[in-house]
Amino acid sequence: MTDTNQSTALAARIAHIEARFSLQDLVANYFLRVDARTYETLADLFTADGTFAFADMKASGRAGLLEFWKRRIANYAFTYHYLHSHVVTSIDLAANTATGIVTGHAEHAINDTCVLAALRYDDQYSCENGIWRIRVRTLTTRYFLPWNELAGNFREGAVSGRPKDTSK
């Protein structure tokens, strides 16, 4: 391998590593900003046409995302999101795209009750002007239960205590 080829290969490997670290920071910042309720900076983590989907709800575009979060997160006195894993499943630096799976859990304060949720986000990312952003985020929950119901209802798909969508 020539010095030029080695330099090119090394530059590509470094770019890949930099992308992975940027994506990890992106995911961690999402959790921090949701809990801080800094919606404008949260929306900046998404592309201009970014989409967030959960259950039968979907919001698109930064304005739509802002309205969605303000409405949904208002149901909780506070939240704490904990990141467990982030697997980057693909990175295409030529296309400025990547995909990933994020797992974690969240504690939600609803009517003086702590409700625990197991979370999975299936993500699609885009790099815009050197900044990685979420293009599509699809949230699924494995369960969403008050602490006092976990022992008796701990199973895949168990849901109790979830607030209704306030837009209705």
C-alpha atoms as a PDB file:
ATOM      1  CA  MET A   1       0.000   0.000   0.000  1.00  0.00           C
ATOM      2  CA  THR A   2       1.366   3.409  -0.923  1.00  0.00           C
ATOM      3  CA  ASP A   3       1.629   6.280   1.496  1.00  0.00           C
ATOM      4  CA  THR A   4      -1.223   8.027  -0.323  1.00  0.00           C
ATOM      5  CA  ASN A   5      -3.462   4.962  -0.051  1.00  0.00           C
ATOM      6  CA  GLN A   6      -2.591   4.560   3.632  1.00  0.00           C
ATOM      7  CA  SER A   7      -3.357   8.224   4.276  1.00  0.00           C
ATOM      8  CA  THR A   8      -6.683   7.949   2.452  1.00  0.00           C
ATOM      9  CA  ALA A   9      -7.623   4.791   4.368  1.00  0.00           C
ATOM     10  CA  LEU A  10      -6.637   6.374   7.669  1.00  0.00           C
ATOM     11  CA  ALA A  11      -8.643   9.532   6.895  1.00  0.00           C
ATOM     12  CA  ALA A  12     -11.708   7.389   6.093  1.00  0.00           C
ATOM     13  CA  ARG A  13     -11.346   5.449   9.345  1.00  0.00           C
ATOM     14  CA  ILE A  14     -11.000   8.671  11.346  1.00  0.00           C
ATOM     15  CA  ALA A  15     -14.075  10.162   9.632  1.00  0.00           C
ATOM     16  CA  HIS A  16     -16.041   7.018  10.522  1.00  0.00           C
ATOM     17  CA  ILE A  17     -14.953   7.226  14.182  1.00  0.00           C
ATOM     18  CA  GLU A  18     -15.787  10.941  14.309  1.00  0.00           C
ATOM     19  CA  ALA A  19     -19.252  10.206  12.916  1.00  0.00           C
ATOM     20  CA  ARG A  20     -19.859   7.524  15.560  1.00  0.00           C
ATOM     21  CA  PHE A  21     -18.886   9.900  18.379  1.00  0.00           C
ATOM     22  CA  SER A  22     -21.073  12.653  16.924  1.00  0.00           C
ATOM     23  CA  LEU A  23     -24.014  10.249  16.739  1.00  0.00           C
ATOM     24  CA  GLN A  24     -23.463   9.153  20.348  1.00  0.00           C
ATOM     25  CA  ASP A  25     -23.449  12.802  21.474  1.00  0.00           C
ATOM     26  CA  LEU A  26     -26.599  13.454  19.426  1.00  0.00           C
ATOM     27  CA  VAL A  27     -28.470  10.620  21.166  1.00  0.00           C
ATOM     28  CA  ALA A  28     -27.286  11.634  24.656  1.00  0.00           C
ATOM     29  CA  ASN A  29     -28.199  15.276  24.028  1.00  0.00           C
ATOM     30  CA  TYR A  30     -31.708  14.247  23.010  1.00  0.00           C
ATOM     31  CA  PHE A  31     -32.292  12.669  26.441  1.00  0.00           C
ATOM     32  CA  LEU A  32     -30.768  15.648  28.279  1.00  0.00           C
ATOM     33  CA  ARG A  33     -32.829  18.196  26.345  1.00  0.00           C
ATOM     34  CA  VAL A  34     -36.108  16.296  26.749  1.00  0.00           C
ATOM     35  CA  ASP A  35     -35.603  16.269  30.515  1.00  0.00           C
ATOM     36  CA  ALA A  36     -34.526  19.934  30.591  1.00  0.00           C
ATOM     37  CA  ARG A  37     -37.537  20.809  28.413  1.00  0.00           C
ATOM     38  CA  THR A  38     -35.412  22.981  26.158  1.00  0.00           C
ATOM     39  CA  TYR A  39     -37.647  22.335  23.192  1.00  0.00           C
ATOM     40  CA  GLU A  40     -36.003  24.737  20.730  1.00  0.00           C
ATOM     41  CA  THR A  41     -32.577  23.158  21.247  1.00  0.00           C
ATOM     42  CA  LEU A  42     -34.243  19.731  21.143  1.00  0.00           C
ATOM     43  CA  ALA A  43     -35.744  20.547  17.741  1.00  0.00           C
ATOM     44  CA  ASP A  44     -32.275  21.572  16.527  1.00  0.00           C
ATOM     45  CA  LEU A  45     -31.216  17.936  16.938  1.00  0.00           C
ATOM     46  CA  PHE A  46     -33.583  17.062  14.056  1.00  0.00           C
ATOM     47  CA  THR A  47     -33.350  17.848  10.370  1.00  0.00           C
ATOM     48  CA  ALA A  48     -35.682  20.591   9.122  1.00  0.00           C
ATOM     49  CA  ASP A  49     -38.051  17.874   7.876  1.00  0.00           C
ATOM     50  CA  GLY A  50     -37.349  15.539  10.811  1.00  0.00           C
ATOM     51  CA  THR A  51     -40.032  13.163  12.050  1.00  0.00           C
ATOM     52  CA  PHE A  52     -40.844  11.715  15.472  1.00  0.00           C
ATOM     53  CA  ALA A  53     -43.359   8.876  15.669  1.00  0.00           C
ATOM     54  CA  PHE A  54     -44.811   7.111  18.692  1.00  0.00           C
ATOM     55  CA  ALA A  55     -47.860   4.847  18.848  1.00  0.00           C
ATOM     56  CA  ASP A  56     -50.519   6.565  16.737  1.00  0.00           C
ATOM     57  CA  MET A  57     -48.861   9.983  17.005  1.00  0.00           C
ATOM     58  CA  LYS A  58     -46.493  11.546  14.512  1.00  0.00           C
ATOM     59  CA  ALA A  59     -44.922  14.989  14.246  1.00  0.00           C
ATOM     60  CA  SER A  60     -42.826  16.359  11.392  1.00  0.00           C
ATOM     61  CA  GLY A  61     -40.777  19.478  10.799  1.00  0.00           C
ATOM     62  CA  ARG A  62     -39.244  21.514  13.595  1.00  0.00           C
ATOM     63  CA  ALA A  63     -42.432  23.538  14.225  1.00  0.00           C
ATOM     64  CA  GLY A  64     -44.512  20.352  14.369  1.00  0.00           C
ATOM     65  CA  LEU A  65     -41.987  18.725  16.691  1.00  0.00           C
ATOM     66  CA  LEU A  66     -42.015  21.750  19.022  1.00  0.00           C
ATOM     67  CA  GLU A  67     -45.806  21.712  19.251  1.00  0.00           C
ATOM     68  CA  PHE A  68     -45.827  17.938  19.823  1.00  0.00           C
ATOM     69  CA  TRP A  69     -43.256  18.012  22.647  1.00  0.00           C
ATOM     70  CA  LYS A  70     -44.818  21.008  24.371  1.00  0.00           C
ATOM     71  CA  ARG A  71     -48.188  19.238  24.340  1.00  0.00           C
ATOM     72  CA  ARG A  72     -46.990  15.725  25.282  1.00  0.00           C
ATOM     73  CA  ILE A  73     -44.330  16.542  27.841  1.00  0.00           C
ATOM     74  CA  ALA A  74     -46.719  18.927  29.620  1.00  0.00           C
ATOM     75  CA  ASN A  75     -48.432  15.771  30.890  1.00  0.00           C
ATOM     76  CA  TYR A  76     -45.435  15.010  33.109  1.00  0.00           C
ATOM     77  CA  ALA A  77     -44.352  16.985  36.179  1.00  0.00           C
ATOM     78  CA  PHE A  78     -40.820  15.878  35.275  1.00  0.00           C
ATOM     79  CA  THR A  79     -39.004  13.154  33.377  1.00  0.00           C
ATOM     80  CA  TYR A  80     -35.662  11.410  33.681  1.00  0.00           C
ATOM     81  CA  HIS A  81     -34.392   9.544  30.621  1.00  0.00           C
ATOM     82  CA  TYR A  82     -31.535   7.049  30.932  1.00  0.00           C
ATOM     83  CA  LEU A  83     -29.562   5.852  27.940  1.00  0.00           C
ATOM     84  CA  HIS A  84     -28.652   2.157  28.044  1.00  0.00           C
ATOM     85  CA  SER A  85     -27.260   1.439  24.597  1.00  0.00           C
ATOM     86  CA  HIS A  86     -26.792   3.018  21.217  1.00  0.00           C
ATOM     87  CA  VAL A  87     -25.919   0.726  18.355  1.00  0.00           C
ATOM     88  CA  VAL A  88     -25.010   2.472  15.130  1.00  0.00           C
ATOM     89  CA  THR A  89     -26.227  -0.071  12.585  1.00  0.00           C
ATOM     90  CA  SER A  90     -24.926   1.691   9.475  1.00  0.00           C
ATOM     91  CA  ILE A  91     -22.956   4.736   8.437  1.00  0.00           C
ATOM     92  CA  ASP A  92     -22.664   5.880   4.825  1.00  0.00           C
ATOM     93  CA  LEU A  93     -20.314   8.854   4.830  1.00  0.00           C
ATOM     94  CA  ALA A  94     -20.659   9.356   1.072  1.00  0.00           C
ATOM     95  CA  ALA A  95     -24.452   9.721   1.417  1.00  0.00           C
ATOM     96  CA  ASN A  96     -24.227  11.511   4.813  1.00  0.00           C
ATOM     97  CA  THR A  97     -26.659   9.023   6.347  1.00  0.00           C
ATOM     98  CA  ALA A  98     -26.644   6.576   9.223  1.00  0.00           C
ATOM     99  CA  THR A  99     -29.063   4.398  11.169  1.00  0.00           C
ATOM    100  CA  GLY A 100     -29.150   3.291  14.772  1.00  0.00           C
ATOM    101  CA  ILE A 101     -31.058   1.658  17.602  1.00  0.00           C
ATOM    102  CA  VAL A 102     -31.227   3.314  21.011  1.00  0.00           C
ATOM    103  CA  THR A 103     -32.462   1.622  24.177  1.00  0.00           C
ATOM    104  CA  GLY A 104     -33.116   3.140  27.561  1.00  0.00           C
ATOM    105  CA  HIS A 105     -35.702   3.758  30.179  1.00  0.00           C
ATOM    106  CA  ALA A 106     -37.523   6.806  31.434  1.00  0.00           C
ATOM    107  CA  GLU A 107     -39.177   7.786  34.675  1.00  0.00           C
ATOM    108  CA  HIS A 108     -42.245   9.990  34.284  1.00  0.00           C
ATOM    109  CA  ALA A 109     -43.951  11.898  37.092  1.00  0.00           C
ATOM    110  CA  ILE A 110     -47.687  11.697  36.425  1.00  0.00           C
ATOM    111  CA  ASN A 111     -50.181  12.790  39.089  1.00  0.00           C
ATOM    112  CA  ASP A 112     -47.672  12.200  41.929  1.00  0.00           C
ATOM    113  CA  THR A 113     -46.904   8.722  40.590  1.00  0.00           C
ATOM    114  CA  CYS A 114     -43.620   7.496  39.117  1.00  0.00           C
ATOM    115  CA  VAL A 115     -44.270   5.666  35.860  1.00  0.00           C
ATOM    116  CA  LEU A 116     -41.429   3.639  34.378  1.00  0.00           C
ATOM    117  CA  ALA A 117     -41.076   3.026  30.628  1.00  0.00           C
ATOM    118  CA  ALA A 118     -38.694   0.777  28.710  1.00  0.00           C
ATOM    119  CA  LEU A 119     -37.787   2.603  25.506  1.00  0.00           C
ATOM    120  CA  ARG A 120     -36.513   1.716  22.054  1.00  0.00           C
ATOM    121  CA  TYR A 121     -35.818   4.294  19.367  1.00  0.00           C
ATOM    122  CA  ASP A 122     -35.219   3.246  15.765  1.00  0.00           C
ATOM    123  CA  ASP A 123     -33.359   6.145  14.200  1.00  0.00           C
ATOM    124  CA  GLN A 124     -32.337   7.437  10.807  1.00  0.00           C
ATOM    125  CA  TYR A 125     -29.706  10.179  10.806  1.00  0.00           C
ATOM    126  CA  SER A 126     -28.504  12.722   8.257  1.00  0.00           C
ATOM    127  CA  CYS A 127     -25.384  14.846   8.283  1.00  0.00           C
ATOM    128  CA  GLU A 128     -26.113  18.434   7.237  1.00  0.00           C
ATOM    129  CA  ASN A 129     -23.179  20.809   6.806  1.00  0.00           C
ATOM    130  CA  GLY A 130     -21.020  18.596   8.994  1.00  0.00           C
ATOM    131  CA  ILE A 131     -23.622  18.254  11.783  1.00  0.00           C
ATOM    132  CA  TRP A 132     -25.373  14.938  12.432  1.00  0.00           C
ATOM    133  CA  ARG A 133     -29.115  15.242  13.081  1.00  0.00           C
ATOM    134  CA  ILE A 134     -32.055  12.902  13.547  1.00  0.00           C
ATOM    135  CA  ARG A 135     -34.116  12.567  10.369  1.00  0.00           C
ATOM    136  CA  VAL A 136     -36.586   9.933  11.588  1.00  0.00           C
ATOM    137  CA  ARG A 137     -37.061   8.714  15.156  1.00  0.00           C
ATOM    138  CA  THR A 138     -39.604   5.991  15.914  1.00  0.00           C
ATOM    139  CA  LEU A 139     -40.246   5.277  19.583  1.00  0.00           C
ATOM    140  CA  THR A 140     -41.667   2.040  20.907  1.00  0.00           C
ATOM    141  CA  THR A 141     -42.161   1.129  24.533  1.00  0.00           C
ATOM    142  CA  ARG A 142     -41.785  -2.370  25.922  1.00  0.00           C
ATOM    143  CA  TYR A 143     -43.886  -1.372  28.925  1.00  0.00           C
ATOM    144  CA  PHE A 144     -45.170   1.830  30.550  1.00  0.00           C
ATOM    145  CA  LEU A 145     -46.222   1.125  34.146  1.00  0.00           C
ATOM    146  CA  PRO A 146     -46.419   2.829  37.531  1.00  0.00           C
ATOM    147  CA  TRP A 147     -43.798   1.463  39.930  1.00  0.00           C
ATOM    148  CA  ASN A 148     -46.450  -0.108  42.147  1.00  0.00           C
ATOM    149  CA  GLU A 149     -47.822  -2.125  39.179  1.00  0.00           C
ATOM    150  CA  LEU A 150     -44.500  -3.432  37.856  1.00  0.00           C
ATOM    151  CA  ALA A 151     -44.393  -6.617  39.942  1.00  0.00           C
ATOM    152  CA  GLY A 152     -47.869  -7.796  38.934  1.00  0.00           C
ATOM    153  CA  ASN A 153     -47.900  -6.583  35.321  1.00  0.00           C
ATOM    154  CA  PHE A 154     -44.289  -6.819  34.204  1.00  0.00           C
ATOM    155  CA  ARG A 155     -44.601  -8.128  30.663  1.00  0.00           C
ATOM    156  CA  GLU A 156     -43.979  -7.019  27.109  1.00  0.00           C
ATOM    157  CA  GLY A 157     -46.563  -4.474  26.012  1.00  0.00           C
ATOM    158  CA  ALA A 158     -47.969  -3.730  29.477  1.00  0.00           C
ATOM    159  CA  VAL A 159     -49.359  -0.187  29.575  1.00  0.00           C
ATOM    160  CA  SER A 160     -51.009   1.597  32.476  1.00  0.00           C
ATOM    161  CA  GLY A 161     -51.142   5.204  33.558  1.00  0.00           C
ATOM    162  CA  ARG A 162     -50.188   6.726  30.206  1.00  0.00           C
ATOM    163  CA  PRO A 163     -51.698  10.213  29.874  1.00  0.00           C
ATOM    164  CA  LYS A 164     -54.096  10.924  27.066  1.00  0.00           C
ATOM    165  CA  ASP A 165     -53.002  13.177  24.209  1.00  0.00           C
ATOM    166  CA  THR A 166     -53.955  16.696  25.332  1.00  0.00           C
ATOM    167  CA  SER A 167     -54.604  17.877  21.775  1.00  0.00           C
ATOM    168  CA  LYS A 168     -57.927  16.074  21.601  1.00  0.00           C
END
